[in-house]
Amino acid sequence: MYTAVIRPAFLYAAIVWWPATRRLYIRQQLSRLQRMACISVTGAMRTAPTEALEALLSLPRLHIEAEAGAMRASYRVKQWGQWRGRVQDGGHVSALNQLVERDKLLEAPSDKIPLTYVFKKNYTVEIPSREVWNQDPDALVSHGLVWFTDGSKTLEGTGAGVRGVRPRVELSFPLGKHASVFQAEVFAISACVSENLKRGYSNQHIQICTDSQAALHALKSPRITSQVVLECTNSLAALGQRNKVRLVWVPGHSGVAGNEEADVLARKGSSDTLTGPEPAIGLPYSYPLGSIDNWTREKCQEDWSRGDRVAAGQAPD
């Protein structure tokens, strides 16, 4: 309840007011607010040190959480092109500067985009049950052009694979070290669509099979917040103008030949070296969030290392 409802209310619009947390008085007031929550949750005695209770509950201090929230908000605003005026070293925008100084990769374009709606889809998305696949897999992909796509992420990198059964095609794409599995899965579908567009098909039944339900749900939803999903949606719309396009879910690693071959191609892509700068596609939003989480942990450790954790009202030995 505290982290889901109460703390967000405390930190609302932190991107605007977080510089005030540099003042000792404001930090003390924020500390008192969080202390009340810590006492309520733990039932600890009133003499228990606030920092110890926060460490026990894995709660960053509120002034740290406020600055982290400002970093997240400022990153989104900048990536969406909504900064107004010049970014300077001081003031509320300095949270973004501090974030970028830690990791220059955060200056790269992000995959996250403002919410976009696409209601009209001239392709279908089908997610049959695993039982249906086990009963008669050939019935689901028995006619027309049949393609399988897959994405893979390993310690070496991320890759996408496309396997055409009819026609017989094998494609493999390295996507570098920073693309997410979700991005790789959607990119593989997009690459498959691009191959079909390049071949100039018309009046064909085209079936694209993938084992990623997340990718299919994203392509089915009218709400789009990912650049790679938006590009794939637009490509599917172009292909669907002259063809009947179906996206079909296939259970992964279940012996479906086309899916297994696409997985091999995706793994090949993940092990191949990317030609060109990183990131190959938009930086996944999980990357800056992870960087901010790391900064938060470091700040908490610094505060803990230099803090005086004595019981309230008692002098140290």
Foldseek 3Di string as FASTA:
>chain_A
DCVPPVLCVVLPPLLAVLVVCVDPVVLVVQLVVVQVVLCVVPVDDQQFFSLVSCVVVVHFRSSLVSLLVSCLVLLQCVLQVNDDDDQDCDHSSVSVVVLCVVPVCSVFRAQFYPKAFDDDALAAEAEDDQVVCVVPVCVVVVDWWEKEKAKDQDPQAIKIWIATPVVGDTDIAAQGHQDDRLLRRLVRLLVVLVVVVVVPDFATEYEYEYQDPVLRVQLNGRIHGGNSSVSSRVSSRVSSVGYHYYYYYDHAPPPPVNHVSRVVRRVVNSNDDDDDDPRSDHGYSVVSVVSSVVVSVVVSVVCVVPDDRGGPPDDDD
